[in-house]
PDB file of N, CA and C in Angstrom:
ATOM      1  N   MET A   1     -15.166   2.982 -13.944  1.00  0.00           N
ATOM      2  CA  MET A   1     -14.705   3.965 -12.986  1.00  0.00           C
ATOM      3  C   MET A   1     -13.675   3.317 -12.076  1.00  0.00           C
ATOM      4  N   ALA A   2     -12.610   4.032 -11.777  1.00  0.00           N
ATOM      5  CA  ALA A   2     -11.552   3.526 -10.912  1.00  0.00           C
ATOM      6  C   ALA A   2     -11.208   4.586  -9.874  1.00  0.00           C
ATOM      7  N   CYS A   3     -10.538   4.161  -8.823  1.00  0.00           N
ATOM      8  CA  CYS A   3     -10.168   5.112  -7.776  1.00  0.00           C
ATOM      9  C   CYS A   3      -8.740   4.858  -7.326  1.00  0.00           C
ATOM     10  N   VAL A   4      -8.232   5.794  -6.560  1.00  0.00           N
ATOM     11  CA  VAL A   4      -6.927   5.680  -5.930  1.00  0.00           C
ATOM     12  C   VAL A   4      -7.157   5.580  -4.432  1.00  0.00           C
ATOM     13  N   ALA A   5      -6.578   4.562  -3.812  1.00  0.00           N
ATOM     14  CA  ALA A   5      -6.677   4.411  -2.362  1.00  0.00           C
ATOM     15  C   ALA A   5      -5.411   4.981  -1.737  1.00  0.00           C
ATOM     16  N   VAL A   6      -5.581   5.870  -0.763  1.00  0.00           N
ATOM     17  CA  VAL A   6      -4.447   6.451  -0.051  1.00  0.00           C
ATOM     18  C   VAL A   6      -4.497   5.918   1.375  1.00  0.00           C
ATOM     19  N   ILE A   7      -3.417   5.256   1.780  1.00  0.00           N
ATOM     20  CA  ILE A   7      -3.365   4.636   3.105  1.00  0.00           C
ATOM     21  C   ILE A   7      -2.233   5.261   3.903  1.00  0.00           C
ATOM     22  N   PRO A   8      -2.548   6.106   4.870  1.00  0.00           N
ATOM     23  CA  PRO A   8      -1.498   6.587   5.766  1.00  0.00           C
ATOM     24  C   PRO A   8      -1.139   5.450   6.725  1.00  0.00           C
ATOM     25  N   ALA A   9       0.134   5.145   6.854  1.00  0.00           N
ATOM     26  CA  ALA A   9       0.531   4.001   7.679  1.00  0.00           C
ATOM     27  C   ALA A   9       1.795   4.324   8.464  1.00  0.00           C
ATOM     28  N   ARG A  10       1.732   4.091   9.740  1.00  0.00           N
ATOM     29  CA  ARG A  10       2.910   4.258  10.592  1.00  0.00           C
ATOM     30  C   ARG A  10       2.984   3.042  11.508  1.00  0.00           C
ATOM     31  N   ARG A  11       4.094   2.325  11.406  1.00  0.00           N
ATOM     32  CA  ARG A  11       4.295   1.102  12.196  1.00  0.00           C
ATOM     33  C   ARG A  11       3.098   0.163  12.048  1.00  0.00           C
ATOM     34  N   ALA A  12       2.734  -0.083  10.780  1.00  0.00           N
ATOM     35  CA  ALA A  12       1.529  -0.847  10.484  1.00  0.00           C
ATOM     36  C   ALA A  12       1.839  -2.184   9.817  1.00  0.00           C
ATOM     37  N   THR A  13       3.002  -2.741  10.087  1.00  0.00           N
ATOM     38  CA  THR A  13       3.368  -3.989   9.410  1.00  0.00           C
ATOM     39  C   THR A  13       2.419  -5.127   9.746  1.00  0.00           C
ATOM     40  N   ARG A  14       1.836  -5.124  10.918  1.00  0.00           N
ATOM     41  CA  ARG A  14       0.910  -6.207  11.291  1.00  0.00           C
ATOM     42  C   ARG A  14      -0.446  -6.086  10.615  1.00  0.00           C
ATOM     43  N   THR A  15      -0.859  -4.892  10.275  1.00  0.00           N
ATOM     44  CA  THR A  15      -2.197  -4.708   9.706  1.00  0.00           C
ATOM     45  C   THR A  15      -2.197  -4.366   8.213  1.00  0.00           C
ATOM     46  N   LEU A  16      -1.116  -3.842   7.715  1.00  0.00           N
ATOM     47  CA  LEU A  16      -1.091  -3.392   6.321  1.00  0.00           C
ATOM     48  C   LEU A  16      -1.199  -4.553   5.342  1.00  0.00           C
ATOM     49  N   GLN A  17      -0.634  -5.684   5.664  1.00  0.00           N
ATOM     50  CA  GLN A  17      -0.716  -6.865   4.798  1.00  0.00           C
ATOM     51  C   GLN A  17      -2.183  -7.197   4.497  1.00  0.00           C
ATOM     52  N   ALA A  18      -2.997  -7.264   5.538  1.00  0.00           N
ATOM     53  CA  ALA A  18      -4.420  -7.585   5.356  1.00  0.00           C
ATOM     54  C   ALA A  18      -5.135  -6.490   4.570  1.00  0.00           C
ATOM     55  N   THR A  19      -4.766  -5.260   4.806  1.00  0.00           N
ATOM     56  CA  THR A  19      -5.387  -4.151   4.088  1.00  0.00           C
ATOM     57  C   THR A  19      -5.093  -4.229   2.598  1.00  0.00           C
ATOM     58  N   LEU A  20      -3.824  -4.471   2.257  1.00  0.00           N
ATOM     59  CA  LEU A  20      -3.448  -4.568   0.848  1.00  0.00           C
ATOM     60  C   LEU A  20      -4.101  -5.771   0.173  1.00  0.00           C
ATOM     61  N   GLU A  21      -4.161  -6.886   0.872  1.00  0.00           N
ATOM     62  CA  GLU A  21      -4.827  -8.068   0.323  1.00  0.00           C
ATOM     63  C   GLU A  21      -6.302  -7.797   0.061  1.00  0.00           C
ATOM     64  N   ALA A  22      -6.958  -7.137   1.000  1.00  0.00           N
ATOM     65  CA  ALA A  22      -8.385  -6.829   0.832  1.00  0.00           C
ATOM     66  C   ALA A  22      -8.610  -5.894  -0.352  1.00  0.00           C
ATOM     67  N   LEU A  23      -7.752  -4.916  -0.514  1.00  0.00           N
ATOM     68  CA  LEU A  23      -7.896  -3.994  -1.645  1.00  0.00           C
ATOM     69  C   LEU A  23      -7.668  -4.712  -2.963  1.00  0.00           C
ATOM     70  N   ARG A  24      -6.682  -5.576  -3.009  1.00  0.00           N
ATOM     71  CA  ARG A  24      -6.373  -6.274  -4.261  1.00  0.00           C
ATOM     72  C   ARG A  24      -7.416  -7.332  -4.593  1.00  0.00           C
ATOM     73  N   LEU A  25      -7.797  -8.119  -3.608  1.00  0.00           N
ATOM     74  CA  LEU A  25      -8.731  -9.215  -3.869  1.00  0.00           C
ATOM     75  C   LEU A  25     -10.177  -8.743  -3.955  1.00  0.00           C
ATOM     76  N   GLY A  26     -10.579  -7.869  -3.048  1.00  0.00           N
ATOM     77  CA  GLY A  26     -11.975  -7.456  -3.002  1.00  0.00           C
ATOM     78  C   GLY A  26     -12.335  -6.341  -3.947  1.00  0.00           C
ATOM     79  N   ASN A  27     -11.344  -5.539  -4.319  1.00  0.00           N
ATOM     80  CA  ASN A  27     -11.633  -4.357  -5.131  1.00  0.00           C
ATOM     81  C   ASN A  27     -10.668  -4.202  -6.295  1.00  0.00           C
ATOM     82  N   GLY A  28     -10.034  -5.287  -6.680  1.00  0.00           N
ATOM     83  CA  GLY A  28      -8.980  -5.230  -7.683  1.00  0.00           C
ATOM     84  C   GLY A  28      -9.319  -4.483  -8.952  1.00  0.00           C
ATOM     85  N   ALA A  29     -10.498  -4.671  -9.481  1.00  0.00           N
ATOM     86  CA  ALA A  29     -10.872  -4.006 -10.731  1.00  0.00           C
ATOM     87  C   ALA A  29     -11.196  -2.531 -10.527  1.00  0.00           C
ATOM     88  N   PHE A  30     -11.574  -2.173  -9.338  1.00  0.00           N
ATOM     89  CA  PHE A  30     -11.997  -0.804  -9.050  1.00  0.00           C
ATOM     90  C   PHE A  30     -10.830   0.085  -8.614  1.00  0.00           C
ATOM     91  N   VAL A  31      -9.885  -0.475  -7.862  1.00  0.00           N
ATOM     92  CA  VAL A  31      -8.767   0.306  -7.331  1.00  0.00           C
ATOM     93  C   VAL A  31      -7.627   0.290  -8.346  1.00  0.00           C
ATOM     94  N   GLN A  32      -7.377   1.436  -8.926  1.00  0.00           N
ATOM     95  CA  GLN A  32      -6.360   1.558  -9.963  1.00  0.00           C
ATOM     96  C   GLN A  32      -4.969   1.721  -9.351  1.00  0.00           C
ATOM     97  N   ARG A  33      -4.867   2.374  -8.212  1.00  0.00           N
ATOM     98  CA  ARG A  33      -3.577   2.650  -7.593  1.00  0.00           C
ATOM     99  C   ARG A  33      -3.758   2.675  -6.087  1.00  0.00           C
ATOM    100  N   VAL A  34      -2.781   2.130  -5.358  1.00  0.00           N
ATOM    101  CA  VAL A  34      -2.777   2.161  -3.896  1.00  0.00           C
ATOM    102  C   VAL A  34      -1.525   2.912  -3.468  1.00  0.00           C
ATOM    103  N   LEU A  35      -1.713   4.064  -2.855  1.00  0.00           N
ATOM    104  CA  LEU A  35      -0.603   4.867  -2.364  1.00  0.00           C
ATOM    105  C   LEU A  35      -0.514   4.683  -0.858  1.00  0.00           C
ATOM    106  N   VAL A  36       0.618   4.187  -0.389  1.00  0.00           N
ATOM    107  CA  VAL A  36       0.837   4.019   1.045  1.00  0.00           C
ATOM    108  C   VAL A  36       1.815   5.095   1.487  1.00  0.00           C
ATOM    109  N   VAL A  37       1.360   5.948   2.383  1.00  0.00           N
ATOM    110  CA  VAL A  37       2.166   7.069   2.849  1.00  0.00           C
ATOM    111  C   VAL A  37       2.795   6.696   4.179  1.00  0.00           C
ATOM    112  N   THR A  38       4.127   6.668   4.197  1.00  0.00           N
ATOM    113  CA  THR A  38       4.862   6.376   5.420  1.00  0.00           C
ATOM    114  C   THR A  38       6.274   6.915   5.273  1.00  0.00           C
ATOM    115  N   SER A  39       7.027   6.862   6.321  1.00  0.00           N
ATOM    116  CA  SER A  39       8.418   7.308   6.295  1.00  0.00           C
ATOM    117  C   SER A  39       9.306   6.156   5.850  1.00  0.00           C
ATOM    118  N   SER A  40      10.345   6.446   5.101  1.00  0.00           N
ATOM    119  CA  SER A  40      11.244   5.387   4.636  1.00  0.00           C
ATOM    120  C   SER A  40      11.974   4.715   5.792  1.00  0.00           C
ATOM    121  N   SER A  41      12.043   5.378   6.943  1.00  0.00           N
ATOM    122  CA  SER A  41      12.698   4.783   8.111  1.00  0.00           C
ATOM    123  C   SER A  41      11.752   3.883   8.908  1.00  0.00           C
ATOM    124  N   ASP A  42      10.475   3.893   8.566  1.00  0.00           N
ATOM    125  CA  ASP A  42       9.478   3.062   9.231  1.00  0.00           C
ATOM    126  C   ASP A  42       9.549   1.654   8.639  1.00  0.00           C
ATOM    127  N   PRO A  43       9.498   0.596   9.458  1.00  0.00           N
ATOM    128  CA  PRO A  43       9.515  -0.768   8.936  1.00  0.00           C
ATOM    129  C   PRO A  43       8.373  -1.046   7.949  1.00  0.00           C
ATOM    130  N   THR A  44       7.323  -0.282   8.018  1.00  0.00           N
ATOM    131  CA  THR A  44       6.205  -0.440   7.096  1.00  0.00           C
ATOM    132  C   THR A  44       6.654  -0.229   5.656  1.00  0.00           C
ATOM    133  N   ALA A  45       7.612   0.649   5.441  1.00  0.00           N
ATOM    134  CA  ALA A  45       8.095   0.950   4.091  1.00  0.00           C
ATOM    135  C   ALA A  45       8.665  -0.300   3.422  1.00  0.00           C
ATOM    136  N   ASP A  46       9.362  -1.146   4.172  1.00  0.00           N
ATOM    137  CA  ASP A  46       9.908  -2.376   3.592  1.00  0.00           C
ATOM    138  C   ASP A  46       8.801  -3.296   3.101  1.00  0.00           C
ATOM    139  N   LEU A  47       7.724  -3.393   3.866  1.00  0.00           N
ATOM    140  CA  LEU A  47       6.575  -4.206   3.452  1.00  0.00           C
ATOM    141  C   LEU A  47       5.974  -3.660   2.160  1.00  0.00           C
ATOM    142  N   VAL A  48       5.836  -2.364   2.083  1.00  0.00           N
ATOM    143  CA  VAL A  48       5.262  -1.737   0.887  1.00  0.00           C
ATOM    144  C   VAL A  48       6.173  -1.982  -0.321  1.00  0.00           C
ATOM    145  N   ARG A  49       7.469  -1.871  -0.124  1.00  0.00           N
ATOM    146  CA  ARG A  49       8.402  -2.124  -1.229  1.00  0.00           C
ATOM    147  C   ARG A  49       8.283  -3.564  -1.742  1.00  0.00           C
ATOM    148  N   ARG A  50       8.149  -4.509  -0.840  1.00  0.00           N
ATOM    149  CA  ARG A  50       7.976  -5.911  -1.255  1.00  0.00           C
ATOM    150  C   ARG A  50       6.698  -6.079  -2.079  1.00  0.00           C
ATOM    151  N   TRP A  51       5.619  -5.466  -1.611  1.00  0.00           N
ATOM    152  CA  TRP A  51       4.350  -5.545  -2.357  1.00  0.00           C
ATOM    153  C   TRP A  51       4.499  -4.905  -3.733  1.00  0.00           C
ATOM    154  N   ALA A  52       5.167  -3.760  -3.776  1.00  0.00           N
ATOM    155  CA  ALA A  52       5.300  -3.015  -5.030  1.00  0.00           C
ATOM    156  C   ALA A  52       6.087  -3.805  -6.076  1.00  0.00           C
ATOM    157  N   ARG A  53       6.991  -4.670  -5.651  1.00  0.00           N
ATOM    158  CA  ARG A  53       7.752  -5.487  -6.601  1.00  0.00           C
ATOM    159  C   ARG A  53       6.849  -6.481  -7.342  1.00  0.00           C
ATOM    160  N   SER A  54       5.791  -6.932  -6.676  1.00  0.00           N
ATOM    161  CA  SER A  54       4.918  -7.920  -7.318  1.00  0.00           C
ATOM    162  C   SER A  54       3.561  -7.359  -7.741  1.00  0.00           C
ATOM    163  N   ASP A  55       3.263  -6.139  -7.344  1.00  0.00           N
ATOM    164  CA  ASP A  55       1.972  -5.527  -7.673  1.00  0.00           C
ATOM    165  C   ASP A  55       2.222  -4.072  -8.056  1.00  0.00           C
ATOM    166  N   ASP A  56       2.164  -3.790  -9.348  1.00  0.00           N
ATOM    167  CA  ASP A  56       2.501  -2.438  -9.809  1.00  0.00           C
ATOM    168  C   ASP A  56       1.451  -1.374  -9.475  1.00  0.00           C
ATOM    169  N   THR A  57       0.359  -1.770  -8.847  1.00  0.00           N
ATOM    170  CA  THR A  57      -0.617  -0.761  -8.408  1.00  0.00           C
ATOM    171  C   THR A  57      -0.238  -0.168  -7.054  1.00  0.00           C
ATOM    172  N   VAL A  58       0.665  -0.834  -6.333  1.00  0.00           N
ATOM    173  CA  VAL A  58       1.068  -0.371  -4.999  1.00  0.00           C
ATOM    174  C   VAL A  58       2.294   0.538  -5.117  1.00  0.00           C
ATOM    175  N   VAL A  59       2.197   1.718  -4.503  1.00  0.00           N
ATOM    176  CA  VAL A  59       3.265   2.711  -4.564  1.00  0.00           C
ATOM    177  C   VAL A  59       3.552   3.225  -3.156  1.00  0.00           C
ATOM    178  N   LEU A  60       4.832   3.322  -2.827  1.00  0.00           N
ATOM    179  CA  LEU A  60       5.242   3.914  -1.555  1.00  0.00           C
ATOM    180  C   LEU A  60       5.419   5.414  -1.754  1.00  0.00           C
ATOM    181  N   VAL A  61       4.793   6.194  -0.896  1.00  0.00           N
ATOM    182  CA  VAL A  61       4.958   7.637  -0.890  1.00  0.00           C
ATOM    183  C   VAL A  61       5.694   7.965   0.400  1.00  0.00           C
ATOM    184  N   ASP A  62       6.939   8.414   0.270  1.00  0.00           N
ATOM    185  CA  ASP A  62       7.782   8.706   1.437  1.00  0.00           C
ATOM    186  C   ASP A  62       7.460  10.110   1.930  1.00  0.00           C
ATOM    187  N   GLU A  63       6.962  10.179   3.162  1.00  0.00           N
ATOM    188  CA  GLU A  63       6.562  11.483   3.701  1.00  0.00           C
ATOM    189  C   GLU A  63       7.740  12.305   4.188  1.00  0.00           C
ATOM    190  N   ALA A  64       8.941  11.758   4.167  1.00  0.00           N
ATOM    191  CA  ALA A  64      10.117  12.491   4.653  1.00  0.00           C
ATOM    192  C   ALA A  64      10.521  13.590   3.712  1.00  0.00           C
TER     193      ALA A  64
END
């Protein structure tokens, strides 16, 4: 069984790193996809894009 984690994030660059690490390391086999919902103009989007380049389970969902 697998799940999709949806993370609404706004100006969360300081906390999102730890959240993504915890999902990948602690629940890697269980979490099939991580959707981070934020605006492309939010600095958080850049962090998500960097993660997505090295982890294909992480996806940026632009709420704009």
